[in-house]
Protein backbone atom coordinates (compact mmCIF):
# COMPACT_ATOMS: atom_id res chain seq x y z
CA UNK A 1 46.63 -48.68 24.96
CA UNK A 2 46.67 -47.55 21.32
CA UNK A 3 46.04 -43.97 20.31
CA UNK A 4 42.87 -43.21 18.37
CA UNK A 5 43.70 -41.76 14.95
CA UNK A 6 42.09 -38.42 14.09
CA UNK A 7 40.58 -37.90 10.68
CA UNK A 8 42.76 -35.53 8.62
CA UNK A 9 41.07 -32.30 7.55
CA UNK A 10 41.07 -32.14 3.76
CA UNK A 11 39.48 -29.92 1.14
CA UNK A 12 36.90 -32.66 0.64
CA UNK A 13 35.99 -32.56 4.35
CA UNK A 14 35.66 -28.78 4.11
CA UNK A 15 33.46 -29.03 1.04
CA UNK A 16 31.16 -31.62 2.62
CA UNK A 17 30.84 -29.66 5.86
CA UNK A 18 30.11 -26.43 4.01
CA UNK A 19 27.49 -28.20 1.92
CA UNK A 20 25.89 -29.60 5.08
CA UNK A 21 25.65 -26.15 6.67
CA UNK A 22 24.26 -24.78 3.42
CA UNK A 23 21.57 -27.48 3.20
CA UNK A 24 20.58 -27.00 6.84
CA UNK A 25 20.35 -23.27 6.18
CA UNK A 26 18.07 -23.86 3.21
CA UNK A 27 15.82 -26.08 5.32
CA UNK A 28 15.63 -23.41 8.03
CA UNK A 29 14.71 -20.83 5.38
CA UNK A 30 11.98 -23.08 3.98
CA UNK A 31 10.59 -23.40 7.51
CA UNK A 32 10.72 -19.65 8.10
CA UNK A 33 13.55 -19.90 10.65
CA UNK A 34 15.49 -17.05 9.06
CA UNK A 35 17.96 -16.20 11.88
CA UNK A 36 19.01 -19.88 12.05
CA UNK A 37 19.31 -19.96 8.26
CA UNK A 38 21.60 -16.93 8.37
CA UNK A 39 23.86 -18.57 10.98
CA UNK A 40 24.20 -21.74 8.88
CA UNK A 41 24.96 -19.88 5.65
CA UNK A 42 27.59 -17.78 7.43
CA UNK A 43 29.28 -20.93 8.72
CA UNK A 44 29.26 -22.33 5.19
CA UNK A 45 30.91 -19.12 3.96
CA UNK A 46 33.63 -19.27 6.65
CA UNK A 47 34.51 -22.84 5.65
CA UNK A 48 34.53 -22.07 1.93
CA UNK A 49 36.71 -18.99 2.41
CA UNK A 50 39.40 -21.28 3.89
CA UNK A 51 39.44 -23.71 0.97
CA UNK A 52 38.29 -21.85 -2.17
CA UNK A 53 39.66 -18.95 -4.23
CA UNK A 54 37.74 -15.70 -3.67
CA UNK A 55 36.10 -15.81 -7.12
CA UNK A 56 34.89 -19.42 -6.94
CA UNK A 57 31.23 -19.92 -8.06
CA UNK A 58 30.45 -21.95 -4.90
CA UNK A 59 31.41 -18.95 -2.79
CA UNK A 60 29.08 -16.80 -4.90
CA UNK A 61 26.24 -19.21 -4.13
CA UNK A 62 26.89 -18.87 -0.40
CA UNK A 63 26.94 -15.07 -0.53
CA UNK A 64 23.65 -15.25 -2.43
CA UNK A 65 22.13 -17.46 0.28
CA UNK A 66 23.24 -15.01 2.98
CA UNK A 67 21.61 -12.24 0.96
CA UNK A 68 18.37 -14.21 0.69
CA UNK A 69 18.32 -14.77 4.46
CA UNK A 70 18.79 -11.02 5.07
CA UNK A 71 15.99 -10.31 2.61
CA UNK A 72 13.71 -12.72 4.48
CA UNK A 73 14.57 -10.78 7.65
CA UNK A 74 13.58 -7.53 5.86
CA UNK A 75 17.16 -6.26 6.06
CA UNK A 76 17.24 -5.11 2.46
CA UNK A 77 20.45 -3.00 2.55
CA UNK A 78 22.45 -6.01 3.82
CA UNK A 79 20.74 -8.29 1.33
CA UNK A 80 21.72 -5.87 -1.43
CA UNK A 81 25.36 -5.82 -0.33
CA UNK A 82 25.62 -9.63 -0.46
CA UNK A 83 23.82 -9.83 -3.80
CA UNK A 84 26.36 -7.37 -5.22
CA UNK A 85 29.28 -9.48 -3.95
CA UNK A 86 27.65 -12.50 -5.57
CA UNK A 87 27.31 -10.64 -8.86
CA UNK A 88 30.95 -9.50 -8.88
CA UNK A 89 32.18 -13.06 -8.35
CA UNK A 90 29.89 -14.36 -11.08
CA UNK A 91 31.03 -11.69 -13.54
CA UNK A 92 34.61 -12.87 -13.13
CA UNK A 93 33.83 -16.57 -13.55
CA UNK A 94 30.73 -16.95 -15.76
CA UNK A 95 29.90 -16.15 -19.37
CA UNK A 96 28.00 -12.92 -20.02
CA UNK A 97 24.59 -14.52 -20.58
CA UNK A 98 24.80 -17.22 -17.91
CA UNK A 99 21.41 -17.84 -16.20
CA UNK A 100 22.95 -17.33 -12.75
CA UNK A 101 23.75 -13.74 -13.68
CA UNK A 102 20.09 -13.22 -14.49
CA UNK A 103 19.21 -14.52 -11.00
CA UNK A 104 21.62 -12.09 -9.36
CA UNK A 105 20.36 -9.12 -11.38
CA UNK A 106 16.83 -10.11 -10.39
CA UNK A 107 17.76 -10.39 -6.70
CA UNK A 108 19.41 -6.96 -6.74
CA UNK A 109 16.32 -5.60 -8.46
CA UNK A 110 14.12 -7.14 -5.76
CA UNK A 111 16.20 -5.56 -2.97
CA UNK A 112 15.92 -2.14 -4.63
CA UNK A 113 12.19 -2.71 -5.12
CA UNK A 114 11.74 -3.49 -1.41
CA UNK A 115 13.67 -0.32 -0.58
CA UNK A 116 11.39 1.61 -3.00
CA UNK A 117 14.33 2.48 -5.25
CA UNK A 118 12.14 1.84 -8.26
CA UNK A 119 14.40 3.21 -10.99
CA UNK A 120 17.31 1.06 -9.82
CA UNK A 121 15.00 -1.94 -9.50
CA UNK A 122 13.78 -1.43 -13.06
CA UNK A 123 17.33 -1.20 -14.37
CA UNK A 124 18.39 -4.51 -12.79
CA UNK A 125 15.19 -6.34 -13.72
CA UNK A 126 15.74 -5.29 -17.34
CA UNK A 127 19.30 -6.67 -17.24
CA UNK A 128 17.87 -9.94 -15.96
CA UNK A 129 15.27 -9.89 -18.73
CA UNK A 130 17.92 -9.35 -21.44
CA UNK A 131 19.82 -12.44 -20.34
CA UNK A 132 16.71 -14.59 -20.00
CA UNK A 133 15.43 -13.56 -23.42
CA UNK A 134 18.71 -14.80 -24.92
CA UNK A 135 19.14 -17.96 -22.84
CA UNK A 136 15.60 -19.26 -22.22
CA UNK A 137 12.74 -20.45 -24.39
CA UNK A 138 10.04 -17.86 -25.09
CA UNK A 139 7.56 -19.71 -22.86
CA UNK A 140 9.89 -20.29 -19.89
CA UNK A 141 8.29 -19.58 -16.45
CA UNK A 142 11.31 -17.48 -15.36
CA UNK A 143 10.65 -15.14 -18.27
CA UNK A 144 7.04 -14.75 -17.11
CA UNK A 145 8.27 -14.02 -13.58
CA UNK A 146 10.64 -11.32 -14.86
CA UNK A 147 7.90 -9.63 -16.90
CA UNK A 148 5.76 -9.68 -13.75
CA UNK A 149 8.54 -8.06 -11.69
CA UNK A 150 8.97 -5.29 -14.26
CA UNK A 151 5.21 -4.79 -14.24
CA UNK A 152 5.26 -4.41 -10.45
CA UNK A 153 7.89 -1.69 -10.64
CA UNK A 154 6.00 0.23 -13.32
CA UNK A 155 2.81 -0.11 -11.27
CA UNK A 156 4.51 1.42 -8.23
CA UNK A 157 5.93 4.19 -10.43
CA UNK A 158 2.35 4.80 -11.67
CA UNK A 159 3.34 3.91 -15.23
CA UNK A 160 0.08 2.03 -15.55
CA UNK A 161 0.05 1.41 -19.30
CA UNK A 162 3.56 -0.09 -19.11
CA UNK A 163 2.61 -2.16 -16.06
CA UNK A 164 -0.37 -3.53 -17.96
CA UNK A 165 1.82 -4.40 -20.94
CA UNK A 166 4.28 -6.42 -18.84
CA UNK A 167 1.58 -8.11 -16.76
CA UNK A 168 -0.13 -9.24 -19.95
CA UNK A 169 3.17 -10.57 -21.32
CA UNK A 170 3.60 -12.52 -18.10
CA UNK A 171 0.06 -13.91 -18.26
CA UNK A 172 0.45 -14.91 -21.91
CA UNK A 173 3.54 -16.98 -21.12
CA UNK A 174 1.97 -18.56 -18.05
CA UNK A 175 -1.10 -19.63 -19.99
CA UNK A 176 1.05 -21.19 -22.73
CA UNK A 177 3.80 -22.78 -20.66
CA UNK A 178 1.71 -24.33 -17.91
CA UNK A 179 -2.04 -24.05 -18.57
CA UNK A 180 -2.83 -26.21 -15.54
CA UNK A 181 -0.90 -23.96 -13.10
CA UNK A 182 -3.77 -21.61 -12.36
CA UNK A 183 -2.03 -20.21 -9.27
CA UNK A 184 0.41 -18.15 -11.33
CA UNK A 185 -2.36 -17.13 -13.72
CA UNK A 186 -4.38 -15.95 -10.70
CA UNK A 187 -1.45 -13.71 -9.68
CA UNK A 188 -1.35 -12.21 -13.18
CA UNK A 189 -5.10 -11.60 -13.31
CA UNK A 190 -4.93 -10.05 -9.83
CA UNK A 191 -2.13 -7.68 -10.89
CA UNK A 192 -3.92 -6.75 -14.12
CA UNK A 193 -7.02 -6.00 -12.05
CA UNK A 194 -5.06 -3.68 -9.77
CA UNK A 195 -3.77 -1.72 -12.76
CA UNK A 196 -7.29 -1.35 -14.14
CA UNK A 197 -8.39 -0.16 -10.68
CA UNK A 198 -5.72 2.53 -10.76
CA UNK A 199 -6.67 3.53 -14.32
CA UNK A 200 -10.34 3.73 -13.22
CA UNK A 201 -11.28 0.97 -15.67
CA UNK A 202 -13.52 -0.56 -13.03
CA UNK A 203 -15.46 -2.99 -15.21
CA UNK A 204 -12.18 -4.46 -16.55
CA UNK A 205 -10.82 -4.54 -13.00
CA UNK A 206 -13.85 -6.50 -11.80
CA UNK A 207 -13.49 -8.99 -14.64
CA UNK A 208 -9.81 -9.61 -13.87
CA UNK A 209 -10.34 -9.91 -10.11
CA UNK A 210 -13.22 -12.34 -10.63
CA UNK A 211 -10.97 -14.53 -12.82
CA UNK A 212 -8.27 -14.49 -10.13
CA UNK A 213 -10.86 -15.39 -7.50
CA UNK A 214 -12.25 -18.24 -9.62
CA UNK A 215 -8.81 -19.82 -10.02
CA UNK A 216 -8.04 -19.43 -6.32
CA UNK A 217 -11.37 -20.96 -5.29
CA UNK A 218 -10.51 -24.04 -7.36
CA UNK A 219 -6.95 -24.36 -6.07
CA UNK A 220 -6.69 -23.05 -2.53
CA UNK A 221 -8.07 -24.11 0.86
CA UNK A 222 -11.03 -22.04 2.01
CA UNK A 223 -8.92 -20.32 4.69
CA UNK A 224 -6.00 -19.34 2.46
CA UNK A 225 -4.96 -15.64 2.75
CA UNK A 226 -4.72 -15.14 -1.04
CA UNK A 227 -8.38 -16.09 -1.28
CA UNK A 228 -9.27 -13.32 1.18
CA UNK A 229 -7.23 -10.87 -0.89
CA UNK A 230 -9.21 -11.78 -4.02
CA UNK A 231 -12.52 -11.37 -2.20
CA UNK A 232 -11.37 -7.92 -1.06
CA UNK A 233 -10.27 -6.94 -4.57
CA UNK A 234 -13.59 -8.06 -6.07
CA UNK A 235 -15.31 -6.02 -3.36
CA UNK A 236 -13.27 -2.93 -4.19
CA UNK A 237 -14.15 -3.22 -7.88
CA UNK A 238 -17.85 -3.54 -7.03
CA UNK A 239 -17.59 -0.53 -4.72
CA UNK A 240 -15.99 1.56 -7.45
CA UNK A 241 -18.91 0.59 -9.71
CA UNK A 242 -21.34 1.63 -6.90
CA UNK A 243 -22.45 -1.99 -6.45
CA UNK A 244 -22.44 -1.55 -2.69
CA UNK A 245 -24.39 -4.67 -1.66
CA UNK A 246 -22.13 -6.88 -3.80
CA UNK A 247 -19.09 -5.09 -2.41
CA UNK A 248 -20.23 -5.67 1.17
CA UNK A 249 -20.82 -9.36 0.47
CA UNK A 250 -17.31 -9.79 -0.98
CA UNK A 251 -15.60 -7.96 1.88
CA UNK A 252 -17.54 -10.05 4.41
CA UNK A 253 -16.35 -13.20 2.60
CA UNK A 254 -12.79 -11.89 2.95
CA UNK A 255 -13.34 -11.30 6.67
CA UNK A 256 -14.65 -14.84 7.25
CA UNK A 257 -11.67 -16.28 5.38
CA UNK A 258 -9.26 -14.25 7.50
CA UNK A 259 -10.97 -15.24 10.76
CA UNK A 260 -10.26 -18.89 10.02
CA UNK A 261 -6.60 -18.38 9.10
CA UNK A 262 -5.08 -15.34 10.83
CA UNK A 263 -4.48 -14.16 14.42
CA UNK A 264 -7.18 -11.71 15.51
CA UNK A 265 -4.89 -8.65 15.43
CA UNK A 266 -3.28 -9.36 12.03
CA UNK A 267 -2.91 -6.25 9.88
CA UNK A 268 -4.92 -7.82 7.05
CA UNK A 269 -7.97 -7.51 9.30
CA UNK A 270 -7.46 -3.75 9.45
CA UNK A 271 -7.63 -3.52 5.67
CA UNK A 272 -10.84 -5.58 5.54
CA UNK A 273 -12.44 -3.68 8.42
CA UNK A 274 -11.71 -0.44 6.61
CA UNK A 275 -13.18 -1.82 3.38
CA UNK A 276 -16.38 -2.86 5.16
CA UNK A 277 -16.54 0.48 6.94
CA UNK A 278 -16.29 2.42 3.67
CA UNK A 279 -19.12 0.39 2.11
CA UNK A 280 -21.34 0.98 5.15
CA UNK A 281 -20.60 4.69 4.82
CA UNK A 282 -21.54 4.51 1.13
CA UNK A 283 -24.81 2.88 2.19
CA UNK A 284 -25.42 5.65 4.74
CA UNK A 285 -25.02 3.37 7.78
CA UNK A 286 -22.62 5.62 9.68
CA UNK A 287 -22.73 3.87 13.04
CA UNK A 288 -21.61 0.57 11.51
CA UNK A 289 -19.02 2.36 9.40
CA UNK A 290 -17.57 4.05 12.48
CA UNK A 291 -17.43 0.74 14.35
CA UNK A 292 -15.42 -0.99 11.60
CA UNK A 293 -13.02 1.91 11.07
CA UNK A 294 -12.32 2.02 14.80
CA UNK A 295 -11.54 -1.72 14.75
CA UNK A 296 -9.11 -1.13 11.88
CA UNK A 297 -7.41 1.76 13.69
CA UNK A 298 -7.08 -0.26 16.91
CA UNK A 299 -5.25 -3.07 15.10
CA UNK A 300 -3.00 -0.67 13.20
CA UNK A 301 -1.97 1.15 16.39
CA UNK A 302 -0.79 -2.18 17.84
CA UNK A 303 1.44 -3.03 14.87
CA UNK A 304 2.50 0.14 13.04
CA UNK A 305 4.76 3.08 13.73
CA UNK A 306 2.84 6.21 14.84
CA UNK A 307 3.59 7.94 11.52
CA UNK A 308 2.74 5.02 9.22
CA UNK A 309 0.80 6.01 6.10
CA UNK A 310 -1.92 3.40 6.76
CA UNK A 311 -2.81 5.13 10.02
CA UNK A 312 -3.43 8.30 8.04
CA UNK A 313 -5.90 6.40 5.89
CA UNK A 314 -7.83 5.16 8.91
CA UNK A 315 -7.95 8.60 10.52
CA UNK A 316 -9.26 9.98 7.23
CA UNK A 317 -11.92 7.26 7.07
CA UNK A 318 -13.14 8.06 10.57
CA UNK A 319 -13.14 11.75 9.68
CA UNK A 320 -15.27 11.01 6.62
CA UNK A 321 -17.84 9.15 8.75
CA UNK A 322 -18.08 12.03 11.22
CA UNK A 323 -18.42 14.38 8.27
CA UNK A 324 -21.32 12.29 6.95
CA UNK A 325 -22.91 12.47 10.41
CA UNK A 326 -22.30 16.26 10.41
CA UNK A 327 -20.06 16.00 13.47
CA UNK A 328 -17.75 18.56 11.90
CA UNK A 329 -15.50 19.31 14.90
CA UNK A 330 -14.69 15.59 15.26
CA UNK A 331 -14.26 15.27 11.50
CA UNK A 332 -11.76 18.14 11.48
CA UNK A 333 -9.78 16.51 14.31
CA UNK A 334 -9.45 13.21 12.48
CA UNK A 335 -8.65 14.86 9.15
CA UNK A 336 -5.92 16.86 10.89
CA UNK A 337 -4.44 13.63 12.30
CA UNK A 338 -4.49 12.14 8.79
CA UNK A 339 -2.74 15.19 7.32
CA UNK A 340 -0.06 15.28 10.04
CA UNK A 341 0.84 11.62 9.52
CA UNK A 342 0.72 11.88 5.74
CA UNK A 343 3.06 14.88 5.79
CA UNK A 344 5.62 12.70 7.62
CA UNK A 345 5.17 9.54 5.55
CA UNK A 346 4.23 10.60 2.00
CA UNK A 347 5.76 12.80 -0.71
CA UNK A 348 4.33 16.32 -0.84
CA UNK A 349 2.59 15.62 -4.17
CA UNK A 350 1.08 12.28 -3.14
CA UNK A 351 -2.62 12.05 -4.07
CA UNK A 352 -3.60 10.74 -0.62
CA UNK A 353 -2.08 13.76 1.10
CA UNK A 354 -3.92 16.00 -1.33
CA UNK A 355 -7.17 14.11 -0.66
CA UNK A 356 -6.84 14.44 3.13
CA UNK A 357 -6.09 18.15 2.78
CA UNK A 358 -9.07 18.70 0.48
CA UNK A 359 -11.31 16.85 2.95
CA UNK A 360 -10.19 19.12 5.76
CA UNK A 361 -10.54 22.28 3.68
CA UNK A 362 -14.08 21.33 2.65
CA UNK A 363 -15.32 21.46 6.28
CA UNK A 364 -12.81 23.86 7.84
CA UNK A 365 -15.43 26.56 8.36
CA UNK A 366 -18.42 24.34 9.19
């Protein structure tokens, strides 16, 4: 009986096997199977470490994929550590303005953004922008994406005029480079609307949110979550303009969209219930307002930590309804809950904490 010959293990075999693990990992990530994706990318790294020098670009790609998997799992510190390893390898093997460096700077910026390290995020996004401005055409979609990222950071830092500048730059490129891709334009109009909301330019906010909604109505299925978000944003703009009936109609459209696409206890419902509750309070219908705010609070308690800032908002909303009904002892209790949570979850100078405190002080002696 003859012996069966084994296939010799070569660098080519290693390369093919690593590539297979990498591709399977990418498929898992596309399907949302992030733990499985992480396992596959780690196996690819182990194989490549045996056959490649430590500064090889293929190894950098694998570290980047591991970082992306950690980011998808909301483990931003680990994602950041792998992105930094990727960047160091790329710096030693790529030219200074190579597009892959821009990707790594952007990924590091995204990790810092998710960790609310906004100054660090801004620094890395700007490094990415510098490279892309030198290496890409002026109407390249990646340039639009980078402007949008910088706008997001400025928005979260409350630099609203700068956020508006970068969002408009992003929109301008998107309209020129791909006029038929209304999905990206809808994102830009949505973001511009949010800045106008924050700047109290409510008419401009309404205009931008209505444009975003129009694009999404043309492109998206009727049960798509982004459509619900646009309905909510249009409703908020109407509410800020004291168009309460129009606001209520928009928020109810958002609720119907969510009911056909989300599980019944999804956190997005809490936001919409709160929005509807606030409009009912504005209309003087306190019993309906109280009902919707209680629904929001019930969902949030199932999904959020006890000291989450969103819980403070719901307690404040319920307090405001009781205040409107002149149930001052109950109002004080809910305002106190809001303040206690906000003190644990927000900076001392945060406007929401100040608002909750002012609400409590206004009825403390009633």
